[in-house]
Amino acid sequence: MVNPAYFFSTLAQVSATIVGFIIAFSVGLYPLERRRREDRTDRLRKVLRDFRDEYKGVVQVMSLIAHDGRVTTKAYLKDFSKDVDELRDEIDNDDDQRSEDAPIVWAHLYRIDELLDRASAENDFLLLPDELDTLQNSLNWLYSYFNANNDSNKQFYFELSDLFDKDDIPKNYYTNDVYDSGSGASNPEGNLRQWIRVESDGRHRSWLTYSADDSGISGRNLFSFATVLEYMKQDFDEVEARNTGTILDYEPQIKYIIRGVLGTSVLGVLLPMLFLFTPPQTLNTLFVSGWPLYIAEWIILVLTAVAFVYLMYHVVKQFKQISEINRG
């Protein structure tokens, strides 16, 4: 059996060395990681604020148009937690709703509008990760729904039109003007068309499905909706690209490392040092020797190893977080 004094002194020295190195390493990296995350958060704040300023007005215009599809505003349409299937169930059981798809379109536009509202000075011009996910999900659903290859959007055309039979929907319904400029809103189709024209002239987007100079963009058809959503989806990709390695999704590993340091220090340094002291003569009866001492050595060694593994796990995790920020 190894000499107890040699065992405990070695364990205390090794543990103290490891703890000292990790404290220096982690404490040195923490301010660097924090600063880089704050820089990335500032970039996210800027692109999100630009996105809000760019699209909030046009989303409100599209909401007005969607609401004109005989939508009755209800609380369940404003519930962010409901997916499309749940919304359809609510609509099917709601005798006040006279449309099938327009309420869902309006609900997703409402979510986007509300979330862009939250990206204000009150919230430091930021959205939480789950709020960004909700915004992205609504945008993706609208983009897919108004895609030129998705015939299901005929239902939305029908609900906006004055037609009495779906069989009367024209073949060119996608670019056919459907919104009635005489309804209550203040020239929304003109605002929508003007927004697209200004946006296209200002950015010279070549990736649009059709040219923005195409006469089909009237602000009064589904193609106009799709064009705006295509712009939004492209611009939101930049928001998503900035939504990593920020303060918003930051879980500092330093607090776990401190716990590990304390555990390793107590179990691997302080406790072994107690066994190195010679007890007073009057306490000799409490001195541990023989098999109890051997068992105590193993218990201390195992507990120290557990604390060390916990400590190293969070050190490695901290290093990975920093590496991900550097790659971003």
Protein backbone atom coordinates (compact mmCIF):
# COMPACT_ATOMS: atom_id res chain seq x y z
CA MET A 1 0.00 0.00 0.00
CA VAL A 2 1.31 3.47 -0.89
CA ASN A 3 2.51 5.55 1.99
CA PRO A 4 -0.51 7.66 3.06
CA ALA A 5 1.54 10.82 3.45
CA TYR A 6 2.93 10.41 -0.08
CA PHE A 7 -0.54 9.68 -1.48
CA PHE A 8 -2.28 12.63 0.12
CA SER A 9 0.50 15.13 -0.57
CA THR A 10 0.71 14.09 -4.22
CA LEU A 11 -3.07 14.29 -4.66
CA ALA A 12 -3.17 17.74 -3.05
CA GLN A 13 -0.31 19.06 -5.19
CA VAL A 14 -1.71 17.71 -8.47
CA SER A 15 -5.22 18.96 -7.70
CA ALA A 16 -3.94 22.42 -6.72
CA THR A 17 -1.89 22.66 -9.92
CA ILE A 18 -4.84 21.69 -12.11
CA VAL A 19 -7.19 24.07 -10.32
CA GLY A 20 -4.73 26.96 -10.62
CA PHE A 21 -4.23 26.36 -14.36
CA ILE A 22 -7.95 26.12 -15.06
CA ILE A 23 -8.74 29.27 -13.06
CA ALA A 24 -6.15 31.23 -15.04
CA PHE A 25 -7.34 29.78 -18.37
CA SER A 26 -11.09 30.19 -17.85
CA VAL A 27 -11.03 33.55 -16.11
CA GLY A 28 -8.83 34.88 -18.92
CA LEU A 29 -11.16 33.61 -21.65
CA TYR A 30 -14.43 34.75 -20.10
CA PRO A 31 -14.06 38.52 -20.79
CA LEU A 32 -12.95 37.76 -24.36
CA GLU A 33 -15.95 35.51 -24.98
CA ARG A 34 -18.32 38.02 -23.40
CA ARG A 35 -17.00 40.87 -25.54
CA ARG A 36 -17.31 38.88 -28.75
CA ARG A 37 -20.86 37.87 -27.92
CA GLU A 38 -21.75 41.50 -27.23
CA ASP A 39 -20.30 42.46 -30.63
CA ARG A 40 -22.40 39.80 -32.35
CA THR A 41 -25.45 40.95 -30.40
CA ASP A 42 -24.89 44.50 -31.66
CA ARG A 43 -24.79 43.21 -35.24
CA LEU A 44 -27.98 41.20 -34.68
CA ARG A 45 -29.65 44.29 -33.19
CA LYS A 46 -28.76 46.33 -36.27
CA VAL A 47 -30.00 43.86 -38.89
CA LEU A 48 -33.16 43.14 -36.88
CA ARG A 49 -33.89 46.84 -36.53
CA ASP A 50 -33.34 47.34 -40.27
CA PHE A 51 -35.61 44.38 -40.99
CA ARG A 52 -38.33 45.83 -38.76
CA ASP A 53 -38.10 49.29 -40.32
CA GLU A 54 -38.16 47.79 -43.81
CA TYR A 55 -41.11 45.43 -43.47
CA LYS A 56 -43.39 46.51 -40.65
CA GLY A 57 -45.38 48.91 -42.81
CA VAL A 58 -45.83 46.53 -45.72
CA VAL A 59 -46.83 43.67 -43.38
CA GLN A 60 -49.58 45.88 -41.98
CA VAL A 61 -50.77 46.62 -45.52
CA MET A 62 -50.86 42.88 -46.32
CA SER A 63 -52.78 42.28 -43.08
CA LEU A 64 -55.42 44.77 -44.20
CA ILE A 65 -55.79 42.95 -47.49
CA ALA A 66 -55.96 39.53 -45.83
CA HIS A 67 -58.52 40.77 -43.31
CA ASP A 68 -60.71 41.84 -46.21
CA GLY A 69 -61.08 38.15 -47.07
CA ARG A 70 -64.05 37.99 -44.69
CA VAL A 71 -61.93 37.40 -41.58
CA THR A 72 -63.54 37.71 -38.16
CA THR A 73 -60.82 38.59 -35.67
CA LYS A 74 -60.84 36.15 -32.75
CA ALA A 75 -58.49 35.55 -29.82
CA TYR A 76 -57.37 32.15 -31.13
CA LEU A 77 -56.05 33.81 -34.29
CA LYS A 78 -53.72 35.86 -32.07
CA ASP A 79 -52.46 32.84 -30.13
CA PHE A 80 -48.83 32.31 -31.15
CA SER A 81 -48.80 28.76 -29.79
CA LYS A 82 -51.34 27.40 -32.29
CA ASP A 83 -50.03 25.72 -35.43
CA VAL A 84 -51.85 25.65 -38.77
CA ASP A 85 -53.79 22.45 -38.03
CA GLU A 86 -55.01 23.85 -34.70
CA LEU A 87 -56.03 27.09 -36.38
CA ARG A 88 -57.98 25.17 -39.02
CA ASP A 89 -59.80 23.23 -36.32
CA GLU A 90 -60.73 26.46 -34.57
CA ILE A 91 -61.91 28.01 -37.85
CA ASP A 92 -63.97 24.95 -38.78
CA ASN A 93 -65.76 25.14 -35.43
CA ASP A 94 -66.28 28.91 -35.58
CA ASP A 95 -69.60 29.85 -37.16
CA ASP A 96 -68.49 33.49 -37.37
CA GLN A 97 -65.69 32.73 -39.79
CA ARG A 98 -66.78 32.88 -43.42
CA SER A 99 -63.39 31.94 -44.88
CA GLU A 100 -60.99 29.04 -44.60
CA ASP A 101 -57.54 30.33 -45.53
CA ALA A 102 -57.73 34.11 -45.12
CA PRO A 103 -57.90 33.85 -41.29
CA ILE A 104 -54.73 31.72 -41.26
CA VAL A 105 -52.94 34.13 -43.59
CA TRP A 106 -54.03 37.02 -41.38
CA ALA A 107 -52.93 35.16 -38.21
CA HIS A 108 -49.39 34.67 -39.53
CA LEU A 109 -49.17 38.27 -40.71
CA TYR A 110 -50.43 39.36 -37.28
CA ARG A 111 -47.68 37.34 -35.59
CA ILE A 112 -45.00 38.92 -37.76
CA ASP A 113 -46.41 42.39 -37.15
CA GLU A 114 -46.57 41.87 -33.38
CA LEU A 115 -43.06 40.45 -33.20
CA LEU A 116 -41.64 43.32 -35.23
CA ASP A 117 -43.41 45.61 -32.76
CA ARG A 118 -41.53 43.93 -29.91
CA ALA A 119 -38.19 44.67 -31.57
CA SER A 120 -38.35 48.16 -30.08
CA ALA A 121 -36.33 50.32 -27.71
CA GLU A 122 -38.24 48.79 -24.81
CA ASN A 123 -36.65 45.42 -25.64
CA ASP A 124 -33.32 46.88 -26.77
CA PHE A 125 -34.33 46.27 -30.41
CA LEU A 126 -33.92 42.52 -29.93
CA LEU A 127 -36.13 39.44 -29.99
CA LEU A 128 -35.67 36.32 -27.92
CA PRO A 129 -34.61 33.14 -29.77
CA ASP A 130 -38.11 31.59 -29.51
CA GLU A 131 -39.65 34.81 -30.83
CA LEU A 132 -37.31 34.75 -33.81
CA ASP A 133 -38.27 31.11 -34.39
CA THR A 134 -41.97 32.05 -34.37
CA LEU A 135 -41.33 34.87 -36.84
CA GLN A 136 -39.37 32.56 -39.12
CA ASN A 137 -42.04 29.84 -38.98
CA SER A 138 -44.79 32.31 -39.93
CA LEU A 139 -42.68 33.75 -42.73
CA ASN A 140 -41.84 30.29 -44.08
CA TRP A 141 -45.49 29.25 -44.03
CA LEU A 142 -46.60 32.40 -45.89
CA TYR A 143 -43.76 32.08 -48.40
CA SER A 144 -44.69 28.48 -49.13
CA TYR A 145 -48.42 29.24 -49.28
CA PHE A 146 -48.04 32.05 -51.82
CA ASN A 147 -45.55 30.18 -53.96
CA ALA A 148 -46.51 30.19 -57.65
CA ASN A 149 -46.48 26.39 -57.68
CA ASN A 150 -48.86 26.02 -54.75
CA ASP A 151 -52.40 25.70 -56.07
CA SER A 152 -53.83 25.79 -52.57
CA ASN A 153 -53.59 29.59 -52.61
CA LYS A 154 -56.53 29.58 -55.03
CA GLN A 155 -58.68 29.43 -51.91
CA PHE A 156 -57.28 32.77 -50.74
CA TYR A 157 -57.96 34.28 -54.16
CA PHE A 158 -61.52 33.00 -54.00
CA GLU A 159 -62.06 34.46 -50.53
CA LEU A 160 -60.84 37.87 -51.64
CA SER A 161 -62.86 37.85 -54.84
CA ASP A 162 -66.56 38.41 -55.48
CA LEU A 163 -66.89 34.99 -57.10
CA PHE A 164 -69.66 32.62 -56.00
CA ASP A 165 -68.17 29.43 -57.42
CA LYS A 166 -64.57 28.19 -57.25
CA ASP A 167 -64.92 26.87 -60.79
CA ASP A 168 -64.97 30.50 -61.94
CA ILE A 169 -61.43 31.15 -60.71
CA PRO A 170 -59.42 32.19 -63.81
CA LYS A 171 -56.37 30.24 -64.92
CA ASN A 172 -54.19 33.31 -64.50
CA TYR A 173 -55.52 33.92 -61.00
CA TYR A 174 -51.98 34.27 -59.60
CA THR A 175 -51.35 37.53 -61.47
CA ASN A 176 -54.99 38.50 -61.87
CA ASP A 177 -56.10 41.54 -59.86
CA VAL A 178 -58.44 40.44 -57.11
CA TYR A 179 -58.36 42.99 -54.30
CA ASP A 180 -61.12 45.58 -54.44
CA SER A 181 -59.67 49.06 -53.99
CA GLY A 182 -63.10 50.32 -53.01
CA SER A 183 -63.17 48.50 -49.67
CA GLY A 184 -62.54 50.29 -46.40
CA ALA A 185 -58.72 50.43 -46.26
CA SER A 186 -56.81 53.46 -47.46
CA ASN A 187 -55.40 52.38 -50.83
CA PRO A 188 -53.51 49.33 -49.52
CA GLU A 189 -52.93 47.83 -52.97
CA GLY A 190 -51.36 51.09 -54.13
CA ASN A 191 -49.12 51.15 -51.07
CA LEU A 192 -48.11 47.55 -51.68
CA ARG A 193 -47.29 48.17 -55.34
CA GLN A 194 -45.34 51.33 -54.52
CA TRP A 195 -43.35 49.53 -51.82
CA ILE A 196 -42.33 46.80 -54.27
CA ARG A 197 -41.35 49.32 -56.94
CA VAL A 198 -39.20 51.36 -54.54
CA GLU A 199 -37.66 48.23 -53.03
CA SER A 200 -36.79 46.78 -56.42
CA ASP A 201 -35.37 50.02 -57.78
CA GLY A 202 -33.31 50.55 -54.64
CA ARG A 203 -31.77 47.11 -54.41
CA HIS A 204 -31.76 45.83 -57.99
CA ARG A 205 -32.61 42.33 -56.90
CA SER A 206 -31.83 39.85 -59.68
CA TRP A 207 -32.97 36.78 -57.76
CA LEU A 208 -36.71 37.51 -57.96
CA THR A 209 -38.81 34.85 -59.63
CA TYR A 210 -40.07 37.49 -62.05
CA SER A 211 -38.77 40.93 -62.89
CA ALA A 212 -40.08 43.65 -60.60
CA ASP A 213 -40.89 45.65 -63.73
CA ASP A 214 -43.37 42.98 -64.75
CA SER A 215 -46.86 44.41 -65.09
CA GLY A 216 -48.07 41.52 -62.93
CA ILE A 217 -46.95 43.38 -59.81
CA SER A 218 -50.03 45.51 -59.31
CA GLY A 219 -50.37 45.31 -55.52
CA ARG A 220 -53.74 43.70 -56.07
CA ASN A 221 -52.82 40.07 -56.72
CA LEU A 222 -51.20 37.03 -55.14
CA PHE A 223 -48.03 37.61 -57.13
CA SER A 224 -47.57 40.90 -55.26
CA PHE A 225 -47.85 39.05 -51.93
CA ALA A 226 -45.33 36.48 -53.10
CA THR A 227 -42.88 39.16 -54.23
CA VAL A 228 -42.90 40.88 -50.83
CA LEU A 229 -42.50 37.54 -49.04
CA GLU A 230 -39.59 36.63 -51.29
CA TYR A 231 -37.86 39.86 -50.30
CA MET A 232 -38.61 39.18 -46.63
CA LYS A 233 -37.33 35.64 -46.71
CA GLN A 234 -34.06 36.69 -48.31
CA ASP A 235 -33.52 39.49 -45.81
CA PHE A 236 -34.48 37.35 -42.85
CA ASP A 237 -31.69 34.95 -43.77
CA GLU A 238 -29.26 37.66 -42.69
CA VAL A 239 -31.09 38.03 -39.38
CA GLU A 240 -30.84 34.28 -38.84
CA ALA A 241 -27.14 34.31 -39.71
CA ARG A 242 -26.57 36.85 -36.94
CA ASN A 243 -28.69 34.94 -34.44
CA THR A 244 -25.89 32.72 -33.16
CA GLY A 245 -23.22 33.32 -30.57
CA THR A 246 -25.05 36.28 -29.02
CA ILE A 247 -25.82 37.25 -25.45
CA LEU A 248 -29.40 36.06 -26.00
CA ASP A 249 -28.46 32.36 -26.15
CA TYR A 250 -25.47 32.64 -23.83
CA GLU A 251 -25.04 30.25 -20.92
CA PRO A 252 -21.75 31.25 -19.28
CA GLN A 253 -19.73 28.18 -18.36
CA ILE A 254 -17.69 30.15 -15.85
CA LYS A 255 -20.31 29.64 -13.11
CA TYR A 256 -20.11 25.85 -13.57
CA ILE A 257 -16.33 26.01 -13.70
CA ILE A 258 -16.27 27.86 -10.37
CA ARG A 259 -18.41 25.09 -8.87
CA GLY A 260 -16.02 22.50 -10.23
CA VAL A 261 -13.04 24.41 -8.91
CA LEU A 262 -14.57 24.58 -5.44
CA GLY A 263 -15.45 20.87 -5.49
CA THR A 264 -12.00 19.84 -6.69
CA SER A 265 -10.31 22.16 -4.18
CA VAL A 266 -12.26 20.77 -1.23
CA LEU A 267 -12.03 17.10 -2.23
CA GLY A 268 -8.58 17.10 -3.85
CA VAL A 269 -6.69 19.69 -1.80
CA LEU A 270 -8.21 20.56 1.57
CA LEU A 271 -9.40 17.07 2.53
CA PRO A 272 -6.08 15.32 1.70
CA MET A 273 -4.20 18.00 3.64
CA LEU A 274 -6.21 17.15 6.77
CA PHE A 275 -4.77 13.63 6.66
CA LEU A 276 -1.24 15.04 6.63
CA PHE A 277 -1.57 16.61 10.06
CA THR A 278 -0.51 14.58 13.11
CA PRO A 279 -3.42 14.54 15.54
CA PRO A 280 -2.87 15.59 19.18
CA GLN A 281 -2.11 12.79 21.61
CA THR A 282 -5.52 13.14 23.23
CA LEU A 283 -7.22 12.42 19.86
CA ASN A 284 -5.19 9.41 18.86
CA THR A 285 -8.27 7.26 19.13
CA LEU A 286 -9.73 9.12 16.15
CA PHE A 287 -6.72 8.56 13.91
CA VAL A 288 -7.58 6.45 10.84
CA SER A 289 -5.20 3.66 9.87
CA GLY A 290 -5.13 0.26 8.19
CA TRP A 291 -8.05 -0.74 6.01
CA PRO A 292 -10.23 2.26 6.96
CA LEU A 293 -7.42 4.54 5.78
CA TYR A 294 -7.07 2.58 2.54
CA ILE A 295 -10.82 2.86 1.91
CA ALA A 296 -10.74 6.59 2.73
CA GLU A 297 -7.98 7.09 0.15
CA TRP A 298 -10.11 5.44 -2.55
CA ILE A 299 -13.20 7.42 -1.63
CA ILE A 300 -11.31 10.72 -1.75
CA LEU A 301 -9.62 9.75 -5.03
CA VAL A 302 -12.94 8.80 -6.70
CA LEU A 303 -14.73 11.94 -5.47
CA THR A 304 -11.84 14.11 -6.66
CA ALA A 305 -11.94 12.39 -10.06
CA VAL A 306 -15.70 13.04 -10.35
CA ALA A 307 -15.22 16.72 -9.49
CA PHE A 308 -12.36 16.91 -11.99
CA VAL A 309 -14.45 15.34 -14.79
CA TYR A 310 -17.28 17.80 -14.06
CA LEU A 311 -14.77 20.66 -14.14
CA MET A 312 -13.14 19.59 -17.40
CA TYR A 313 -16.51 19.03 -19.08
CA HIS A 314 -17.42 22.70 -18.62
CA VAL A 315 -13.93 23.89 -19.53
CA VAL A 316 -14.21 22.02 -22.85
CA LYS A 317 -17.73 23.39 -23.33
CA GLN A 318 -16.46 26.93 -22.78
CA PHE A 319 -13.72 26.36 -25.34
CA LYS A 320 -16.25 25.02 -27.88
CA GLN A 321 -18.46 28.08 -27.39
CA ILE A 322 -15.55 30.37 -28.11
CA SER A 323 -14.58 28.31 -31.19
CA GLU A 324 -18.14 28.55 -32.55
CA ILE A 325 -18.09 32.34 -32.13
CA ASN A 326 -14.77 32.54 -33.98
CA ARG A 327 -16.14 30.44 -36.85
CA GLY A 328 -19.23 32.69 -37.01
